[in-house]
Protein backbone atom coordinates (compact mmCIF):
# COMPACT_ATOMS: atom_id res chain seq x y z
CA MET A 1 101.18 95.16 109.76
CA LEU A 2 102.70 97.97 107.75
CA LYS A 3 105.15 95.62 106.03
CA LEU A 4 102.34 93.12 105.50
CA SER A 5 100.25 95.83 103.87
CA TYR A 6 103.03 96.57 101.40
CA ILE A 7 103.17 92.88 100.60
CA LEU A 8 99.41 92.93 100.10
CA THR A 9 99.84 95.86 97.72
CA TYR A 10 101.91 93.67 95.49
CA CYS A 11 99.37 90.89 95.92
CA VAL A 12 96.79 93.36 94.66
CA LEU A 13 98.99 93.91 91.67
CA LEU A 14 99.10 90.19 91.12
CA ALA A 15 96.16 87.89 90.60
CA PRO A 16 95.83 86.02 93.93
CA TYR A 17 94.57 88.93 96.00
CA CYS A 18 92.25 90.09 93.25
CA GLN A 19 90.87 86.59 92.88
CA SER A 20 90.37 86.14 96.61
CA LEU A 21 88.38 89.38 96.76
CA ASN A 22 86.86 88.72 93.34
CA ILE A 23 87.71 92.21 92.12
CA GLU A 24 89.18 93.45 88.89
CA VAL A 25 91.58 96.34 89.30
CA VAL A 26 91.33 98.86 86.50
CA LYS A 27 94.40 99.04 84.31
CA LYS A 28 94.84 102.36 82.57
CA SER A 29 96.65 102.94 79.30
CA GLY A 30 100.04 104.66 79.30
CA SER A 31 102.54 105.29 82.06
CA CYS A 32 101.94 106.35 85.65
CA PRO A 33 100.73 109.95 85.90
CA LYS A 34 102.71 112.78 87.39
CA LEU A 35 100.84 113.86 90.51
CA PRO A 36 99.86 117.52 90.77
CA HIS A 37 100.26 117.72 94.57
CA PRO A 38 102.90 115.32 95.95
CA LEU A 39 104.34 116.15 99.37
CA ASP A 40 107.62 115.59 101.16
CA LYS A 41 107.79 112.51 103.35
CA ALA A 42 105.57 112.74 106.41
CA SER A 43 107.21 113.69 109.71
CA TYR A 44 104.72 111.54 111.62
CA LYS A 45 106.16 109.92 114.74
CA GLY A 46 104.40 107.11 116.51
CA LYS A 47 102.38 104.02 115.83
CA VAL A 48 99.98 103.64 112.93
CA ILE A 49 97.44 101.14 111.74
CA HIS A 50 96.82 100.27 108.11
CA PRO A 51 93.07 99.62 107.87
CA GLY A 52 93.18 99.15 104.10
CA MET A 53 93.80 100.67 100.72
CA PHE A 54 91.88 102.48 98.04
CA LEU A 55 91.70 101.05 94.53
CA ASP A 56 90.08 101.84 91.22
CA THR A 57 87.96 98.78 90.42
CA LYS A 58 85.38 97.96 87.78
CA ASN A 59 82.86 96.74 90.37
CA PRO A 60 82.32 97.51 94.04
CA ILE A 61 84.52 95.48 96.34
CA PRO A 62 82.33 92.64 97.62
CA LYS A 63 81.75 91.88 101.26
CA LEU A 64 84.33 89.39 102.43
CA ASP A 65 83.24 85.87 103.31
CA PHE A 66 85.92 85.62 105.99
CA GLU A 67 86.68 87.62 109.10
CA LEU A 68 89.45 90.18 108.85
CA PRO A 69 92.14 90.18 111.52
CA ALA A 70 92.17 92.97 114.07
CA CYS A 71 94.24 96.01 113.13
CA LYS A 72 97.59 96.07 114.92
CA ALA A 73 99.60 99.20 115.43
CA THR A 74 103.22 99.33 114.28
CA GLU A 75 105.81 102.06 114.50
CA PHE A 76 105.59 104.22 111.39
CA SER A 77 108.51 104.19 108.97
CA TYR A 78 108.81 104.46 105.22
CA PRO A 79 109.78 101.26 103.45
CA ASP A 80 113.21 101.40 101.85
CA PRO A 81 113.41 101.70 98.91
CA THR A 82 109.97 103.17 98.45
CA ASP A 83 107.79 103.50 95.41
CA LEU A 84 105.14 105.22 97.49
CA ILE A 85 104.60 108.97 97.41
CA THR A 86 103.10 110.98 100.26
CA ILE A 87 100.06 112.84 98.96
CA GLY A 88 98.47 113.87 102.23
CA THR A 89 99.04 114.00 105.97
CA ASP A 90 98.27 116.08 108.99
CA ASN A 91 101.31 114.48 110.71
CA THR A 92 99.18 113.64 113.74
CA THR A 93 96.29 111.33 112.76
CA TYR A 94 96.70 110.14 109.14
CA ILE A 95 99.09 109.67 106.24
CA VAL A 96 98.01 108.96 102.66
CA LEU A 97 100.51 107.26 100.36
CA TYR A 98 100.09 106.80 96.62
CA GLY A 99 101.54 104.01 94.52
CA CYS A 100 101.46 103.21 90.85
CA LYS A 101 102.68 100.06 89.13
CA PHE A 102 103.63 100.41 85.45
CA PHE A 103 103.58 97.35 83.22
CA LYS A 104 106.06 98.05 80.44
CA SER A 105 105.09 95.02 78.32
CA SER A 106 101.47 96.14 78.01
CA ASN A 107 102.05 99.90 78.42
CA ASN A 108 99.49 100.28 81.18
CA TYR A 109 99.39 100.86 84.93
CA ILE A 110 97.32 100.48 88.07
CA GLU A 111 97.10 102.88 90.99
CA TYR A 112 96.52 102.36 94.70
CA GLY A 113 96.40 104.48 97.81
CA HIS A 114 97.45 103.39 101.29
CA VAL A 115 95.84 105.05 104.28
CA LEU A 116 97.70 104.91 107.58
CA THR A 117 96.04 106.27 110.69
CA SER A 118 96.91 106.79 114.33
CA GLU A 119 96.04 103.92 116.65
CA LYS A 120 92.62 105.47 117.31
CA GLY A 121 91.71 104.94 113.68
CA PRO A 122 90.18 107.38 111.22
CA ASN A 123 87.42 109.72 112.29
CA PRO A 124 84.80 111.29 109.99
CA VAL A 125 86.85 114.49 109.58
CA ASP A 126 89.95 112.48 108.57
CA ASP A 127 87.88 110.34 106.21
CA LYS A 128 86.62 113.44 104.41
CA ALA A 129 90.13 114.92 104.25
CA ILE A 130 91.53 111.65 102.85
CA ARG A 131 88.93 111.57 100.07
CA GLU A 132 89.65 115.22 99.26
CA ILE A 133 93.36 114.38 98.96
CA PHE A 134 92.56 111.81 96.28
CA ASN A 135 90.31 114.30 94.46
CA LYS A 136 92.92 117.07 94.65
CA ASN A 137 95.45 114.72 93.02
CA LYS A 138 92.91 113.72 90.36
CA LEU A 139 92.85 110.09 91.48
CA SER A 140 89.75 107.95 91.05
CA LEU A 141 90.57 105.60 93.92
CA LYS A 142 87.04 105.30 95.27
CA GLN A 143 86.81 101.65 96.36
CA PHE A 144 88.14 100.80 99.84
CA ALA A 145 89.62 97.34 100.35
CA PRO A 146 89.85 96.66 104.08
CA GLU A 147 92.84 94.73 105.39
CA CYS A 148 91.88 94.60 109.05
CA LYS A 149 89.02 95.52 111.36
CA GLN A 150 89.16 98.19 114.01
């Protein structure tokens, strides 16, 4: 699922995923920002699920007209090579990764945040901490695009 979610990230960057969800990802002018609070890679050991990602969209992400697959746990590992930066983790229940895709031809970029959680899934405390991580890094990734159901 983790590798699939990285593939879906690139689908988000390309039209098909955006069209299937009928969302328009916000492109911002200039190059990808330098994050104020990046972290070293997470030392998390164990299985994680990838319930979805956070995006900056012009409109709320609509309810899906199809059923999402069940979340499946996979052993956590960073993709290699990675363009994702760790911006938050407690190394026991969640990891937040940030990505930014720069489009040189148009001099703009889009941002996205992956949330990986332990097999139990996020709890309200983790959810609040995850949103605070985005705020602390001055990211406006407020819309959650689910990729599976828990």
